[in-house]
Amino acid sequence: MRIRSFLQSFQSGAITADGIFLAEKDGQILGTLYSQLRPDGSVLLFPPVISDSGLTAVSTAQLFAAFENYCRKHSVIAATALADDNQIFDEETFQTLGKFKFLSEMVCLASTAAAESIVSRSLEFVPMSEVAVLPFERMCGVVSKTYENTKDFPQLMTAMPIEGILRTYQGAAFLPELWFFIQQDGQDIGVLLVTDSRDGQMELTYMGLVPAVRRKGLSKEIVQFAQRLTFQRNGLFLTTSVDERNTAALKTYLTCGFKAWDRKRVFVRLFE
């Protein structure tokens, strides 16, 4: 599925092949690195795949050196890599030669759509599509405040430019009516970003509250709003992901009926 998705994106021009690196010998591919440059100035790297014949330490180092040159060329801020919880690869080499560090585990969760849930009387959800004056700039400002003391991969998120992160979140399935300013008493106190892939699955891409209104039970209301929205749009599932260290958010999702279905190890390399 990953290969098919990549080929479709490549053929449509959505991604280019300049982030793919091959180690060859006598016409035989011994190893590959596949990376994607993202709008936020980061690179997503898939863990290296090595053939049975393997690579020498020198050629493996050359493969990672080519990747580093690519990142330097494009002024990359950070590179991240996700590995399935049961995926086997040479993690020691990945960290020593690739200079990646293990950051945390990402928990992937899903819930069925909810037809009924508590309707919040204290919160107002204002779609970005209904904001006439500089909606994207306003969204950047609110998201920046929600990142204060964030528990979701703080070492990575605080290093990235907010505008770039939102451009990455938008992707190909962006619908401004599914990006919400969360208001209380007429003031922006947070955001909810939802993605509809139109295949029965919707994603709670990001939600965040400013520090002053946290720990007041509002997160549960926001999640339930997203579940109800999924039902209204005929979605079957609502998915999301969270840093396992963010125990408060994880508890909220589980309380709202989400179940963990996968875990991914997150590695990061920051470029100076």
Protein backbone atom coordinates (compact mmCIF):
# COMPACT_ATOMS: atom_id res chain seq x y z
CA MET A 1 0.00 0.00 0.00
CA ARG A 2 2.86 2.36 0.83
CA ILE A 3 4.52 1.69 -2.53
CA ARG A 4 1.25 2.17 -4.42
CA SER A 5 0.55 5.43 -2.59
CA PHE A 6 4.07 6.66 -3.35
CA LEU A 7 3.79 5.82 -7.07
CA GLN A 8 0.47 7.63 -7.35
CA SER A 9 1.89 10.72 -5.65
CA PHE A 10 5.01 10.58 -7.83
CA GLN A 11 3.02 10.24 -11.06
CA SER A 12 0.76 13.16 -10.11
CA GLY A 13 3.76 15.37 -9.34
CA ALA A 14 2.84 15.72 -5.66
CA ILE A 15 6.29 14.45 -4.65
CA THR A 16 9.60 14.28 -6.46
CA ALA A 17 12.30 11.62 -6.51
CA ASP A 18 15.14 13.83 -5.29
CA GLY A 19 14.62 12.59 -1.73
CA ILE A 20 15.25 8.96 -2.65
CA PHE A 21 18.77 7.61 -2.22
CA LEU A 22 20.07 4.30 -3.48
CA ALA A 23 23.25 2.39 -2.69
CA GLU A 24 24.18 0.27 -5.68
CA LYS A 25 26.96 -2.15 -6.51
CA ASP A 26 27.36 -3.94 -9.84
CA GLY A 27 23.83 -2.93 -10.81
CA GLN A 28 22.33 -4.36 -7.62
CA ILE A 29 20.49 -2.15 -5.13
CA LEU A 30 21.85 -2.88 -1.67
CA GLY A 31 20.04 -0.24 0.35
CA THR A 32 17.68 2.71 0.10
CA LEU A 33 16.69 5.82 2.03
CA TYR A 34 13.35 7.44 1.18
CA SER A 35 12.52 10.92 2.44
CA GLN A 36 9.87 13.55 1.82
CA LEU A 37 10.46 17.30 2.09
CA ARG A 38 7.57 18.98 3.91
CA PRO A 39 6.24 22.58 3.82
CA ASP A 40 7.25 23.21 7.44
CA GLY A 41 10.95 22.90 6.63
CA SER A 42 11.26 19.36 7.90
CA VAL A 43 11.94 16.04 6.22
CA LEU A 44 10.10 12.80 6.90
CA LEU A 45 12.51 9.89 6.53
CA PHE A 46 11.40 6.29 6.30
CA PRO A 47 13.75 3.92 8.15
CA PRO A 48 16.41 2.52 5.81
CA VAL A 49 15.81 -0.73 3.99
CA ILE A 50 18.86 -2.95 3.55
CA SER A 51 18.98 -5.98 1.27
CA ASP A 52 20.01 -9.41 2.50
CA SER A 53 23.49 -8.87 1.11
CA GLY A 54 23.68 -5.72 3.23
CA LEU A 55 25.99 -2.73 3.07
CA THR A 56 29.44 -2.11 4.43
CA ALA A 57 29.81 0.47 7.16
CA VAL A 58 31.48 2.80 4.65
CA SER A 59 28.69 2.58 2.07
CA THR A 60 26.02 2.97 4.75
CA ALA A 61 27.78 6.11 5.96
CA GLN A 62 27.84 7.38 2.37
CA LEU A 63 24.10 6.79 2.09
CA PHE A 64 23.43 8.86 5.19
CA ALA A 65 25.93 11.49 4.02
CA ALA A 66 23.94 11.91 0.79
CA PHE A 67 20.80 12.37 2.85
CA GLU A 68 22.50 14.96 5.07
CA ASN A 69 23.71 16.91 2.03
CA TYR A 70 20.15 16.89 0.72
CA CYS A 71 18.88 18.32 4.02
CA ARG A 72 21.59 20.98 4.08
CA LYS A 73 20.82 21.94 0.49
CA HIS A 74 17.16 22.53 1.35
CA SER A 75 17.89 24.27 4.69
CA VAL A 76 15.99 21.59 6.58
CA ILE A 77 15.29 22.41 10.23
CA ALA A 78 14.55 18.89 11.42
CA ALA A 79 14.28 15.35 10.12
CA THR A 80 11.88 12.86 11.66
CA ALA A 81 11.47 9.15 11.17
CA LEU A 82 8.62 6.88 12.19
CA ALA A 83 9.08 3.17 12.78
CA ASP A 84 6.27 0.73 13.43
CA ASP A 85 6.38 -0.70 16.91
CA ASN A 86 7.27 -4.14 15.56
CA GLN A 87 9.48 -2.95 12.71
CA ILE A 88 12.98 -4.37 12.69
CA PHE A 89 15.86 -2.26 11.40
CA ASP A 90 19.40 -1.44 12.45
CA GLU A 91 18.49 1.11 15.09
CA GLU A 92 22.05 1.47 16.38
CA THR A 93 23.39 2.36 12.93
CA PHE A 94 20.41 4.65 12.37
CA GLN A 95 21.32 6.62 15.48
CA THR A 96 25.12 6.62 15.10
CA LEU A 97 25.55 7.17 11.35
CA GLY A 98 22.22 8.91 10.77
CA LYS A 99 22.61 10.99 13.96
CA PHE A 100 18.97 10.43 14.86
CA LYS A 101 17.80 10.29 18.46
CA PHE A 102 14.84 8.39 19.82
CA LEU A 103 12.24 10.92 20.91
CA SER A 104 9.15 9.06 22.09
CA GLU A 105 6.41 6.71 20.99
CA MET A 106 3.36 7.95 19.13
CA VAL A 107 0.09 6.23 20.00
CA CYS A 108 -2.37 5.95 17.10
CA LEU A 109 -6.03 5.89 18.15
CA ALA A 110 -9.42 5.55 16.50
CA SER A 111 -13.06 5.81 17.48
CA THR A 112 -16.33 5.28 15.71
CA ALA A 113 -18.39 8.34 14.84
CA ALA A 114 -20.81 9.48 17.55
CA ALA A 115 -24.36 10.48 16.69
CA GLU A 116 -24.98 11.95 20.09
CA SER A 117 -22.72 13.57 22.64
CA ILE A 118 -22.87 16.40 25.10
CA VAL A 119 -23.34 19.68 23.23
CA SER A 120 -21.09 22.31 24.74
CA ARG A 121 -22.84 25.42 25.94
CA SER A 122 -19.67 27.23 26.91
CA LEU A 123 -17.65 26.74 23.72
CA GLU A 124 -18.25 28.08 20.24
CA PHE A 125 -16.62 26.48 17.19
CA VAL A 126 -16.06 29.05 14.45
CA PRO A 127 -15.01 27.58 11.08
CA MET A 128 -12.00 29.20 9.44
CA SER A 129 -14.11 29.56 6.27
CA GLU A 130 -16.35 32.06 8.07
CA VAL A 131 -13.50 34.36 9.11
CA ALA A 132 -13.13 37.19 6.63
CA VAL A 133 -10.02 39.00 7.88
CA LEU A 134 -6.64 37.22 7.66
CA PRO A 135 -7.93 33.80 8.82
CA PHE A 136 -4.64 31.95 8.29
CA GLU A 137 -2.60 34.56 10.13
CA ARG A 138 -5.11 34.49 12.97
CA MET A 139 -4.89 30.70 13.08
CA CYS A 140 -1.08 30.88 13.29
CA GLY A 141 -1.34 33.24 16.24
CA VAL A 142 -3.72 31.01 18.21
CA VAL A 143 -1.79 27.81 17.44
CA SER A 144 1.41 29.51 18.61
CA LYS A 145 -0.20 30.13 22.01
CA THR A 146 -1.44 26.53 22.25
CA TYR A 147 2.14 25.30 21.79
CA GLU A 148 3.19 26.88 25.08
CA ASN A 149 4.28 24.05 27.41
CA THR A 150 3.00 21.48 24.92
CA LYS A 151 3.32 17.82 25.88
CA ASP A 152 3.21 16.54 22.29
CA PHE A 153 6.80 16.09 21.09
CA PRO A 154 7.87 19.49 22.50
CA GLN A 155 11.51 19.14 21.39
CA LEU A 156 10.33 18.94 17.79
CA MET A 157 7.22 21.14 17.67
CA THR A 158 8.83 24.16 19.32
CA ALA A 159 11.67 24.06 16.77
CA MET A 160 9.37 24.34 13.75
CA PRO A 161 7.78 27.53 12.31
CA ILE A 162 4.04 27.64 13.02
CA GLU A 163 3.13 28.73 9.50
CA GLY A 164 5.03 25.79 8.01
CA ILE A 165 3.41 23.31 10.39
CA LEU A 166 -0.06 24.49 9.36
CA ARG A 167 0.86 24.29 5.67
CA THR A 168 1.90 20.69 6.28
CA TYR A 169 -1.36 19.97 8.11
CA GLN A 170 -3.33 21.37 5.18
CA GLY A 171 -1.97 18.88 2.64
CA ALA A 172 -4.22 17.86 -0.24
CA ALA A 173 -7.39 17.25 1.81
CA PHE A 174 -7.63 20.68 3.47
CA LEU A 175 -11.14 22.05 3.93
CA PRO A 176 -11.35 25.45 5.68
CA GLU A 177 -14.79 24.60 7.07
CA LEU A 178 -13.16 21.83 9.14
CA TRP A 179 -10.59 24.11 10.79
CA PHE A 180 -12.15 25.75 13.82
CA PHE A 181 -11.34 28.60 16.16
CA ILE A 182 -12.55 27.57 19.60
CA GLN A 183 -14.05 30.53 21.44
CA GLN A 184 -15.27 31.16 24.97
CA ASP A 185 -16.99 34.44 25.81
CA GLY A 186 -16.02 35.73 22.37
CA GLN A 187 -12.28 35.08 22.84
CA ASP A 188 -10.09 32.62 20.93
CA ILE A 189 -8.95 29.99 23.43
CA GLY A 190 -7.88 27.19 21.11
CA VAL A 191 -8.17 25.45 17.76
CA LEU A 192 -9.51 22.21 16.32
CA LEU A 193 -8.18 20.98 12.97
CA VAL A 194 -10.00 18.10 11.28
CA THR A 195 -9.23 16.38 7.97
CA ASP A 196 -11.78 14.49 5.86
CA SER A 197 -10.16 12.07 3.42
CA ARG A 198 -13.64 11.26 2.01
CA ASP A 199 -13.10 7.52 2.33
CA GLY A 200 -15.08 7.06 5.51
CA GLN A 201 -12.19 8.09 7.70
CA MET A 202 -11.65 11.49 9.29
CA GLU A 203 -8.67 12.63 11.31
CA LEU A 204 -8.44 14.88 14.32
CA THR A 205 -5.22 16.40 13.06
CA TYR A 206 -4.63 18.80 15.93
CA MET A 207 -6.40 20.33 18.86
CA GLY A 208 -4.93 22.72 21.38
CA LEU A 209 -5.94 25.12 24.13
CA VAL A 210 -4.12 28.14 25.47
CA PRO A 211 -2.56 27.56 28.92
CA ALA A 212 -5.11 29.66 30.84
CA VAL A 213 -8.05 27.33 30.07
CA ARG A 214 -6.40 23.93 30.38
CA ARG A 215 -7.37 21.30 32.97
CA LYS A 216 -10.98 22.43 33.02
CA GLY A 217 -12.52 19.52 31.11
CA LEU A 218 -12.77 21.40 27.83
CA SER A 219 -10.69 18.88 25.85
CA LYS A 220 -13.39 16.25 26.27
CA GLU A 221 -15.99 18.61 24.83
CA ILE A 222 -13.73 19.32 21.85
CA VAL A 223 -13.15 15.63 21.12
CA GLN A 224 -16.88 14.91 21.35
CA PHE A 225 -17.57 17.76 18.93
CA ALA A 226 -15.12 16.14 16.45
CA GLN A 227 -16.84 12.75 16.90
CA ARG A 228 -20.26 14.29 16.25
CA LEU A 229 -18.87 16.14 13.22
CA THR A 230 -17.57 12.83 11.85
CA PHE A 231 -21.07 11.34 12.11
CA GLN A 232 -22.66 14.35 10.45
CA ARG A 233 -20.30 14.00 7.48
CA ASN A 234 -21.07 10.26 7.17
CA GLY A 235 -17.63 9.27 8.39
CA LEU A 236 -17.17 5.85 9.92
CA PHE A 237 -14.04 6.45 11.98
CA LEU A 238 -12.21 9.33 13.58
CA THR A 239 -8.47 8.82 14.02
CA THR A 240 -5.77 10.75 15.82
CA SER A 241 -2.30 10.30 17.31
CA VAL A 242 -0.63 11.53 20.49
CA ASP A 243 2.73 11.47 22.23
CA GLU A 244 2.58 8.68 24.81
CA ARG A 245 4.05 11.11 27.35
CA ASN A 246 0.99 13.35 27.00
CA THR A 247 -0.95 11.34 29.55
CA ALA A 248 -3.71 13.94 29.98
CA ALA A 249 -4.58 13.95 26.27
CA LEU A 250 -4.33 10.18 26.08
CA LYS A 251 -6.73 9.82 29.00
CA THR A 252 -9.19 12.20 27.32
CA TYR A 253 -9.23 10.18 24.10
CA LEU A 254 -9.69 6.89 25.93
CA THR A 255 -12.50 8.38 28.03
CA CYS A 256 -14.24 9.44 24.80
CA GLY A 257 -14.16 5.89 23.43
CA PHE A 258 -10.95 5.91 21.39
CA LYS A 259 -8.93 2.72 21.25
CA ALA A 260 -5.23 2.40 20.49
CA TRP A 261 -4.58 0.38 17.34
CA ASP A 262 -0.91 1.08 16.60
CA ARG A 263 2.24 2.59 18.06
CA LYS A 264 5.16 4.17 16.22
CA ARG A 265 8.62 5.01 17.48
CA VAL A 266 9.59 8.59 16.67
CA PHE A 267 13.21 9.52 15.91
CA VAL A 268 14.39 13.06 15.26
CA ARG A 269 17.47 14.90 14.08
CA LEU A 270 17.69 18.66 14.47
CA PHE A 271 19.88 20.66 12.09
CA GLU A 272 21.63 23.80 13.22
